Protein backbone atom coordinates (compact mmCIF):
# COMPACT_ATOMS: atom_id res chain seq x y z
CA MET A 1 136.86 207.64 152.91
CA GLN A 2 136.55 210.82 150.66
CA MET A 3 136.84 213.07 153.48
CA ILE A 4 139.40 211.09 154.81
CA THR A 5 141.41 211.36 151.16
CA ALA A 6 140.85 214.96 151.40
CA ILE A 7 142.07 215.43 154.49
CA LEU A 8 145.51 213.40 153.66
CA LYS A 9 146.14 216.00 150.81
CA LEU A 10 145.65 218.38 153.43
CA ILE A 11 148.29 217.25 155.57
CA GLU A 12 150.78 216.24 152.32
CA LYS A 13 151.04 220.03 151.41
CA GLY A 14 152.22 220.61 155.06
CA GLY A 15 151.84 222.59 157.83
CA PRO A 16 152.60 224.20 160.75
CA PHE A 17 149.39 222.68 161.89
CA VAL A 18 147.80 222.69 165.30
CA VAL A 19 146.17 219.90 166.90
CA ALA A 20 142.93 221.19 169.39
CA SER A 21 140.39 219.64 171.50
CA HIS A 22 137.53 221.09 173.78
CA GLU A 23 137.83 222.55 177.38
CA GLY A 24 138.09 220.15 180.48
CA PRO A 25 139.59 217.56 178.28
CA ASP A 26 139.00 214.23 179.09
CA GLY A 27 140.90 210.92 178.03
CA ASP A 28 139.63 210.88 174.57
CA ALA A 29 140.36 214.65 173.79
CA ILE A 30 144.12 214.46 175.10
CA SER A 31 144.71 211.11 173.79
CA SER A 32 143.67 211.75 169.86
CA THR A 33 145.40 215.16 170.27
CA LEU A 34 148.44 214.01 171.33
CA ALA A 35 148.47 210.71 168.71
CA LEU A 36 147.60 213.10 165.65
CA THR A 37 150.25 215.34 166.97
CA ASN A 38 153.36 212.57 167.41
CA ALA A 39 152.33 211.09 164.20
CA LEU A 40 152.39 214.63 162.25
CA ARG A 41 155.84 214.70 163.53
CA GLU A 42 156.72 211.17 162.39
CA MET A 43 155.87 212.36 159.12
CA GLY A 44 158.20 215.80 159.52
CA HIS A 45 155.51 218.29 159.63
CA GLU A 46 155.84 221.05 162.32
CA VAL A 47 152.70 220.86 164.57
CA VAL A 48 151.72 222.51 167.89
CA ALA A 49 149.61 220.56 170.58
CA TYR A 50 146.87 222.62 172.27
CA ASN A 51 144.37 222.45 174.94
CA ARG A 52 143.14 225.97 176.54
CA ASP A 53 143.00 224.34 179.41
CA GLY A 54 146.05 222.37 179.60
CA LEU A 55 146.99 218.55 180.54
CA PRO A 56 145.70 216.37 183.26
CA ASP A 57 147.72 215.32 185.24
CA SER A 58 146.33 211.28 184.78
CA TYR A 59 147.50 211.90 181.12
CA ALA A 60 150.73 212.99 181.59
CA PHE A 61 152.56 209.74 180.90
CA LEU A 62 151.32 209.79 177.46
CA PRO A 63 154.30 210.24 174.60
CA GLY A 64 154.45 213.97 174.22
CA ALA A 65 152.44 215.02 177.10
CA GLU A 66 155.38 217.35 177.70
CA THR A 67 155.16 219.55 174.71
CA LEU A 68 151.00 220.06 174.92
CA VAL A 69 150.63 224.23 175.48
CA SER A 70 147.67 225.53 176.68
CA GLU A 71 148.31 229.39 174.91
CA LEU A 72 149.00 230.08 171.55
CA PRO A 73 151.15 232.76 170.45
CA THR A 74 148.97 236.00 168.79
CA ASP A 75 151.13 236.33 165.57
CA LYS A 76 151.88 232.38 164.57
CA ARG A 77 149.71 231.65 161.85
CA TYR A 78 148.50 227.96 160.84
CA ALA A 79 147.66 226.13 157.82
CA VAL A 80 145.62 223.71 159.27
CA GLY A 81 143.72 223.55 163.23
CA PHE A 82 142.54 220.13 163.32
CA VAL A 83 139.89 220.43 166.05
CA LEU A 84 139.28 217.26 168.07
CA ASP A 85 135.93 215.86 169.78
CA ALA A 86 134.84 219.22 170.42
CA GLY A 87 131.54 219.32 168.93
CA GLU A 88 131.43 223.42 169.00
CA LEU A 89 134.01 225.02 167.61
CA ARG A 90 133.98 227.83 170.90
CA ARG A 91 134.70 224.64 173.74
CA ALA A 92 138.13 224.28 171.94
CA GLY A 93 138.77 228.15 171.07
CA SER A 94 136.79 230.19 168.68
CA HIS A 95 140.45 231.83 168.22
CA LEU A 96 141.45 228.57 166.23
CA ALA A 97 139.41 230.17 162.97
CA ASP A 98 141.21 233.48 163.26
CA CYS A 99 144.78 231.78 163.50
CA CYS A 100 144.08 228.85 161.00
CA ASP A 101 143.71 229.29 157.55
CA LEU A 102 141.77 226.34 156.87
CA LEU A 103 139.90 224.14 160.04
CA VAL A 104 139.30 220.06 159.79
CA ASN A 105 136.42 219.07 162.40
CA ILE A 106 137.50 215.16 163.39
CA ASP A 107 134.13 214.58 166.13
CA HIS A 108 132.09 211.64 166.85
CA HIS A 109 129.56 213.39 168.79
CA PRO A 110 125.96 213.52 167.65
CA PHE A 111 125.01 217.61 166.35
CA SER A 112 128.81 217.90 166.06
CA GLU A 113 129.07 221.99 164.99
CA ARG A 114 129.79 222.87 161.53
CA PHE A 115 132.33 225.21 161.67
CA SER A 116 134.94 223.70 159.42
CA ASP A 117 136.01 223.47 156.37
CA TYR A 118 136.46 219.88 156.45
CA TYR A 119 133.89 217.67 158.43
CA LEU A 120 134.67 214.30 159.33
CA VAL A 121 132.53 213.21 161.96
CA ASP A 122 130.88 209.78 162.42
CA GLU A 123 128.71 209.11 165.52
CA THR A 124 129.21 205.13 165.19
CA ALA A 125 132.61 205.42 166.61
CA CYS A 126 134.06 204.42 169.81
CA ALA A 127 135.74 208.05 170.03
CA THR A 128 138.13 210.13 168.14
CA GLY A 129 141.33 208.28 168.92
CA ALA A 130 139.35 205.36 166.58
CA MET A 131 139.23 208.25 164.08
CA ILE A 132 142.85 209.03 164.36
CA HIS A 133 143.45 205.20 163.79
CA ARG A 134 141.43 205.47 160.50
CA ILE A 135 143.06 208.50 159.50
CA LEU A 136 146.52 207.31 160.02
CA THR A 137 145.52 203.74 158.69
CA SER A 138 144.40 204.90 155.30
CA ALA A 139 147.70 206.82 154.66
CA GLN A 140 149.39 204.03 155.40
CA HIS A 141 151.40 205.61 157.84
CA PRO A 142 153.26 203.15 159.94
CA ILE A 143 151.37 203.18 163.77
CA SER A 144 154.54 203.23 166.22
CA GLU A 145 154.26 202.40 169.67
CA PRO A 146 154.11 206.43 171.31
CA VAL A 147 150.98 206.66 168.89
CA ALA A 148 149.59 202.98 169.91
CA LEU A 149 150.06 203.90 173.26
CA CYS A 150 147.45 207.21 173.17
CA ILE A 151 145.12 205.56 170.78
CA TYR A 152 144.67 203.02 172.60
CA THR A 153 144.06 205.16 175.80
CA ALA A 154 141.60 207.17 173.98
CA VAL A 155 139.38 204.04 172.92
CA LEU A 156 140.10 202.79 176.62
CA ALA A 157 138.91 205.97 178.14
CA ASP A 158 135.83 206.67 176.33
CA THR A 159 134.57 202.92 176.39
CA GLY A 160 135.06 203.03 180.05
CA SER A 161 137.39 200.37 180.00
CA PHE A 162 135.24 199.00 177.76
CA ARG A 163 131.94 198.61 179.64
CA TYR A 164 129.96 201.35 177.72
CA SER A 165 127.35 200.79 175.19
CA ASN A 166 130.01 202.35 172.57
CA ALA A 167 132.77 199.50 173.32
CA ASN A 168 131.68 198.06 169.71
CA PRO A 169 133.77 195.91 167.39
CA GLU A 170 136.03 198.65 166.24
CA ALA A 171 137.00 199.11 169.52
CA PHE A 172 138.03 195.85 170.60
CA ALA A 173 139.90 195.27 167.42
CA ILE A 174 141.66 198.66 167.58
CA ALA A 175 142.86 198.14 171.12
CA SER A 176 144.18 194.51 169.98
CA ALA A 177 145.95 196.03 167.59
CA MET A 178 147.59 198.75 169.14
CA VAL A 179 148.70 195.45 171.79
CA GLU A 180 150.25 194.42 169.30
CA GLN A 181 152.10 197.15 168.65
CA GLY A 182 153.62 197.34 172.19
CA VAL A 183 151.14 198.89 174.08
CA ASP A 184 151.00 197.64 177.83
CA PRO A 185 147.81 197.74 178.88
CA TRP A 186 149.02 197.48 182.42
CA THR A 187 150.67 200.68 181.95
CA VAL A 188 147.99 202.70 180.73
CA ALA A 189 145.06 201.58 183.55
CA ALA A 190 148.21 202.37 185.96
CA GLY A 191 148.52 205.57 184.64
CA LEU A 192 144.90 205.95 184.50
CA TYR A 193 143.31 204.38 187.74
CA GLU A 194 146.27 203.59 189.83
CA ASN A 195 148.59 206.91 190.13
CA GLN A 196 145.82 208.77 191.48
CA PRO A 197 146.43 212.22 194.22
CA GLU A 198 144.77 211.63 197.63
CA LYS A 199 143.58 214.82 197.68
CA ARG A 200 141.26 213.55 194.61
CA LEU A 201 139.57 211.05 197.26
CA ARG A 202 139.01 213.24 199.85
CA LEU A 203 137.05 215.51 197.10
CA LEU A 204 135.22 212.61 196.24
CA ALA A 205 134.76 211.72 199.95
CA ARG A 206 132.79 215.07 200.11
CA ALA A 207 131.07 214.79 196.77
CA LEU A 208 129.33 211.40 197.93
CA GLU A 209 128.44 213.65 200.93
CA GLN A 210 125.84 215.14 198.93
CA LEU A 211 124.73 211.94 197.12
CA THR A 212 120.98 212.78 196.37
CA VAL A 213 118.88 209.86 195.12
CA ALA A 214 115.23 210.75 193.20
CA PRO A 215 112.18 209.29 195.41
CA CYS A 216 111.49 207.25 192.00
CA GLY A 217 114.80 205.37 192.57
CA ARG A 218 115.87 205.96 188.57
CA TYR A 219 118.29 208.83 188.82
CA ALA A 220 120.54 210.13 191.56
CA SER A 221 123.66 212.51 191.99
CA VAL A 222 126.48 213.89 193.55
CA SER A 223 127.77 217.92 193.31
CA VAL A 224 131.13 219.80 194.03
CA THR A 225 131.16 223.30 195.01
CA THR A 226 134.06 225.94 194.53
CA GLU A 227 134.12 225.75 198.31
CA MET A 228 135.11 222.42 198.11
CA LEU A 229 137.49 222.76 195.48
CA GLN A 230 139.56 225.50 197.66
CA GLN A 231 139.14 223.30 201.11
CA THR A 232 140.61 220.32 198.96
CA ASP A 233 142.91 222.25 196.99
CA THR A 234 141.77 220.50 193.83
CA GLY A 235 141.19 221.28 190.51
CA PRO A 236 137.92 220.61 187.79
CA GLU A 237 140.39 218.02 186.73
CA HIS A 238 139.96 215.80 190.09
CA THR A 239 136.12 215.37 189.28
CA ASP A 240 136.69 212.93 186.30
CA GLY A 241 134.26 210.11 186.47
CA PHE A 242 133.14 211.42 189.67
CA VAL A 243 129.63 210.98 187.74
CA ASN A 244 129.62 207.64 187.44
CA TYR A 245 129.23 206.83 191.39
CA PRO A 246 125.38 207.48 191.70
CA ARG A 247 125.02 206.21 187.90
CA SER A 248 126.37 202.62 189.46
CA ILE A 249 123.42 202.10 192.05
CA HIS A 250 121.19 199.72 192.00
CA GLY A 251 117.83 201.06 189.85
CA VAL A 252 119.28 203.92 188.71
CA GLU A 253 118.75 204.59 185.11
CA VAL A 254 120.59 208.12 185.11
CA GLY A 255 123.45 209.44 187.11
CA LEU A 256 123.99 213.29 187.15
CA PHE A 257 127.22 214.87 187.84
CA PHE A 258 126.85 218.94 189.15
CA ARG A 259 129.97 221.30 189.53
CA GLN A 260 130.24 225.00 190.26
CA LEU A 261 131.18 226.88 188.07
CA GLY A 262 130.93 230.26 189.24
CA PRO A 263 129.17 232.14 192.15
CA ASP A 264 125.57 231.58 190.28
CA ARG A 265 126.47 228.96 187.84
CA PHE A 266 126.80 224.88 187.40
CA LYS A 267 128.00 222.25 184.70
CA ILE A 268 125.55 218.60 184.67
CA GLY A 269 127.57 215.92 183.75
CA PHE A 270 124.59 213.25 182.72
CA ARG A 271 125.07 209.95 182.33
CA SER A 272 122.77 207.09 181.44
CA LYS A 273 122.48 203.47 181.74
CA GLY A 274 120.89 203.14 178.02
CA ALA A 275 117.04 203.72 178.76
CA ILE A 276 117.26 207.41 178.88
CA ASP A 277 118.82 209.68 176.13
CA VAL A 278 120.33 211.90 178.08
CA GLY A 279 122.07 213.60 174.67
CA SER A 280 118.68 214.92 173.72
CA LEU A 281 118.22 216.18 177.42
CA ALA A 282 121.16 218.39 177.64
CA ARG A 283 120.66 219.86 174.24
CA ALA A 284 117.25 220.67 175.69
CA LEU A 285 119.20 222.88 178.32
CA GLY A 286 121.80 224.00 176.01
CA GLY A 287 124.64 221.42 176.17
CA GLY A 288 125.11 218.27 174.27
CA GLY A 289 126.51 215.26 173.97
CA HIS A 290 125.55 211.58 173.04
CA HIS A 291 122.74 209.02 173.86
CA ASN A 292 124.49 207.79 177.21
CA ALA A 293 127.08 210.78 177.88
CA ALA A 294 126.23 214.62 178.26
CA GLY A 295 126.54 217.54 179.58
CA ALA A 296 125.32 221.44 179.75
CA GLU A 297 125.89 224.40 181.82
CA ILE A 298 123.01 226.47 183.45
CA GLN A 299 122.62 229.60 185.53
CA GLY A 300 121.83 229.37 189.24
CA ASP A 301 122.09 228.49 192.09
CA LEU A 302 122.72 224.70 192.85
CA GLU A 303 119.37 224.29 194.60
CA MET A 304 117.75 225.98 191.70
CA VAL A 305 119.71 224.27 189.01
CA ARG A 306 119.07 220.68 190.77
CA THR A 307 115.34 221.57 190.74
CA GLN A 308 115.36 222.56 187.23
CA VAL A 309 117.40 219.29 185.88
CA PHE A 310 115.38 216.64 188.21
CA THR A 311 112.08 218.47 187.04
CA ARG A 312 112.94 217.69 183.22
CA LEU A 313 114.02 214.16 184.21
CA ASP A 314 111.03 213.62 186.11
CA GLU A 315 108.95 214.53 182.77
CA LEU A 316 110.93 211.43 181.03
CA LEU A 317 111.45 208.95 183.98
CA LEU A 318 108.14 209.34 185.28
CA PRO A 319 105.79 208.10 182.38
CA GLN A 320 107.76 204.97 181.75
CA TYR A 321 106.98 203.80 185.19
CA LYS A 322 102.96 204.41 186.06
């Protein structure tokens, strides 16, 4: 509460502000960014919503989405930069430290880097959007329907539509309060899950052709290469949620998604059903994340990267099932 009070004093001093989130933004990152941006604008402040990778199409329905930018002017300075859901400053953009007088880190990832002047991190929060809700509630700022829609979407997205272990009492309480503010759950569900382009499904079909299940049956993976993206005219934003397909297999404890970043580099997404701490595994590989959801980047071709990751998983899983 003390840190929230300090952040509110920063806001009272005024902007200009920039609100940023991590590259390859997911629902929590984008929705939290727009929730805080919209609220700050309602308070009368000058604020820019920024993400270096821009806005994923599936979140274009969110209020304020059309104002989000993927580049910042080189000659502009900001009083405060709010860095949301990033874990590390480099994921949002190291240049933010150069164009902001102060940085505020608002996050719910474990081991979140202490890169900021103000550090508000709570690993128990269901989503960064929930922390934005706490800040606005503490400010006694009336939550408008546009802000409520963004907060609801952040919580919905990061809890996997309330299916994941982070769907705690606060998640349901916030969702209920946002519905009372006028949010229509179907509007959000339709925007996220009933509005995908045909080419995403064609990419998913290609990815599922790459399905591998470990001999032990405890982990499984799918993969997407740059060639597959080119052939289906898709981008990284169309792969959101692919990792959940291998995890959904009966008996699988960990689902993995390998996405090619370059000639010899892959990004790996990990999703656990709870028994395995994939956050610890990702950190051992140079990445990071939560107990049940994490990621890392590894140099090498697909076969090499798979072998490296599968070996680590075998070391974690096989002793439990001997």
